[in-house]
């Protein structure tokens, strides 16, 4: 009986759409240069809460890389001013 129910479930079960969309979003990179200063932070928070832990970790790594790159450019420009 249990095996029959399981076979019936497998026959009519469909994969959730959420798992398909999550798989596609994890490989995207984020463009931090396009962020607006006056954006709605409540909407930003909702968008972040929909991301998985792996997606959040990837976004944080990208943010750190962007910050490091901007700091190095700023320091390079600052050093050139003093030469």
C-alpha atoms as a PDB file:
ATOM      1  CA  UNK A   1       0.000   0.000   0.000  1.00  0.00           C
ATOM      2  CA  UNK A   2       2.752   2.429   0.963  1.00  0.00           C
ATOM      3  CA  UNK A   3       4.707   1.595  -2.174  1.00  0.00           C
ATOM      4  CA  UNK A   4       1.630   2.221  -4.323  1.00  0.00           C
ATOM      5  CA  UNK A   5       1.092   5.621  -2.726  1.00  0.00           C
ATOM      6  CA  UNK A   6       4.714   6.497  -3.322  1.00  0.00           C
ATOM      7  CA  UNK A   7       4.478   5.496  -6.989  1.00  0.00           C
ATOM      8  CA  UNK A   8       1.287   7.548  -7.338  1.00  0.00           C
ATOM      9  CA  UNK A   9       3.054  10.545  -5.798  1.00  0.00           C
ATOM     10  CA  UNK A  10       6.040  10.189  -8.141  1.00  0.00           C
ATOM     11  CA  UNK A  11       3.730   9.952 -11.118  1.00  0.00           C
ATOM     12  CA  UNK A  12       1.976  13.274 -10.441  1.00  0.00           C
ATOM     13  CA  UNK A  13       4.556  15.235  -8.471  1.00  0.00           C
ATOM     14  CA  UNK A  14       6.085  18.264 -10.134  1.00  0.00           C
ATOM     15  CA  UNK A  15       9.282  19.983  -9.011  1.00  0.00           C
ATOM     16  CA  UNK A  16       8.744  23.316  -7.324  1.00  0.00           C
ATOM     17  CA  UNK A  17       9.428  26.451  -9.330  1.00  0.00           C
ATOM     18  CA  UNK A  18      11.355  27.971  -6.439  1.00  0.00           C
ATOM     19  CA  UNK A  19      14.151  25.428  -6.640  1.00  0.00           C
ATOM     20  CA  UNK A  20      14.541  26.084 -10.371  1.00  0.00           C
ATOM     21  CA  UNK A  21      14.808  29.847  -9.958  1.00  0.00           C
ATOM     22  CA  UNK A  22      17.260  29.548  -7.083  1.00  0.00           C
ATOM     23  CA  UNK A  23      19.616  27.443  -9.162  1.00  0.00           C
ATOM     24  CA  UNK A  24      19.804  30.151 -11.817  1.00  0.00           C
ATOM     25  CA  UNK A  25      20.403  33.133  -9.519  1.00  0.00           C
ATOM     26  CA  UNK A  26      23.426  31.822  -7.640  1.00  0.00           C
ATOM     27  CA  UNK A  27      25.874  32.282 -10.518  1.00  0.00           C
ATOM     28  CA  UNK A  28      24.956  35.913 -11.246  1.00  0.00           C
ATOM     29  CA  UNK A  29      27.332  38.655 -10.222  1.00  0.00           C
ATOM     30  CA  UNK A  30      26.041  41.871  -8.714  1.00  0.00           C
ATOM     31  CA  UNK A  31      26.915  45.305 -10.103  1.00  0.00           C
ATOM     32  CA  UNK A  32      27.650  47.441  -7.050  1.00  0.00           C
ATOM     33  CA  UNK A  33      28.316  50.527  -9.165  1.00  0.00           C
ATOM     34  CA  UNK A  34      24.634  50.761 -10.072  1.00  0.00           C
ATOM     35  CA  UNK A  35      23.372  51.035  -6.478  1.00  0.00           C
ATOM     36  CA  UNK A  36      21.354  54.143  -5.699  1.00  0.00           C
ATOM     37  CA  UNK A  37      21.854  56.079  -2.500  1.00  0.00           C
ATOM     38  CA  UNK A  38      18.148  56.760  -1.912  1.00  0.00           C
ATOM     39  CA  UNK A  39      16.849  53.201  -2.426  1.00  0.00           C
ATOM     40  CA  UNK A  40      14.051  51.669  -0.339  1.00  0.00           C
ATOM     41  CA  UNK A  41      15.905  49.692   2.324  1.00  0.00           C
ATOM     42  CA  UNK A  42      12.823  47.683   3.318  1.00  0.00           C
ATOM     43  CA  UNK A  43      12.617  46.325  -0.236  1.00  0.00           C
ATOM     44  CA  UNK A  44      16.347  45.618  -0.218  1.00  0.00           C
ATOM     45  CA  UNK A  45      15.934  43.687   3.046  1.00  0.00           C
ATOM     46  CA  UNK A  46      13.050  41.629   1.620  1.00  0.00           C
ATOM     47  CA  UNK A  47      15.141  40.813  -1.446  1.00  0.00           C
ATOM     48  CA  UNK A  48      18.068  39.671   0.716  1.00  0.00           C
ATOM     49  CA  UNK A  49      15.797  37.543   2.909  1.00  0.00           C
ATOM     50  CA  UNK A  50      14.711  35.598  -0.180  1.00  0.00           C
ATOM     51  CA  UNK A  51      18.300  34.595  -0.966  1.00  0.00           C
ATOM     52  CA  UNK A  52      19.826  31.361   0.283  1.00  0.00           C
ATOM     53  CA  UNK A  53      22.805  31.317   2.625  1.00  0.00           C
ATOM     54  CA  UNK A  54      25.141  30.422  -0.244  1.00  0.00           C
ATOM     55  CA  UNK A  55      23.803  33.275  -2.364  1.00  0.00           C
ATOM     56  CA  UNK A  56      24.252  35.700   0.548  1.00  0.00           C
ATOM     57  CA  UNK A  57      27.815  34.481   1.106  1.00  0.00           C
ATOM     58  CA  UNK A  58      28.577  34.970  -2.606  1.00  0.00           C
ATOM     59  CA  UNK A  59      27.091  38.477  -2.520  1.00  0.00           C
ATOM     60  CA  UNK A  60      29.149  39.354   0.567  1.00  0.00           C
ATOM     61  CA  UNK A  61      32.352  38.124  -1.080  1.00  0.00           C
ATOM     62  CA  UNK A  62      31.549  40.202  -4.167  1.00  0.00           C
ATOM     63  CA  UNK A  63      30.934  43.253  -1.958  1.00  0.00           C
ATOM     64  CA  UNK A  64      34.262  42.777  -0.190  1.00  0.00           C
ATOM     65  CA  UNK A  65      36.082  42.435  -3.498  1.00  0.00           C
ATOM     66  CA  UNK A  66      34.426  45.608  -4.767  1.00  0.00           C
ATOM     67  CA  UNK A  67      35.393  47.501  -1.605  1.00  0.00           C
ATOM     68  CA  UNK A  68      38.990  46.287  -1.835  1.00  0.00           C
ATOM     69  CA  UNK A  69      39.189  47.353  -5.475  1.00  0.00           C
ATOM     70  CA  UNK A  70      37.780  50.823  -4.696  1.00  0.00           C
ATOM     71  CA  UNK A  71      40.152  51.280  -1.775  1.00  0.00           C
ATOM     72  CA  UNK A  72      43.176  50.355  -3.854  1.00  0.00           C
ATOM     73  CA  UNK A  73      42.170  52.829  -6.585  1.00  0.00           C
ATOM     74  CA  UNK A  74      41.609  55.531  -3.953  1.00  0.00           C
ATOM     75  CA  UNK A  75      44.985  54.853  -2.311  1.00  0.00           C
ATOM     76  CA  UNK A  76      46.733  54.871  -5.686  1.00  0.00           C
ATOM     77  CA  UNK A  77      45.195  58.249  -6.528  1.00  0.00           C
ATOM     78  CA  UNK A  78      46.110  59.591  -3.092  1.00  0.00           C
ATOM     79  CA  UNK A  79      49.728  58.493  -3.423  1.00  0.00           C
ATOM     80  CA  UNK A  80      49.982  60.104  -6.876  1.00  0.00           C
ATOM     81  CA  UNK A  81      48.801  63.429  -5.417  1.00  0.00           C
ATOM     82  CA  UNK A  82      51.716  63.459  -2.962  1.00  0.00           C
ATOM     83  CA  UNK A  83      54.409  62.716  -5.551  1.00  0.00           C
END
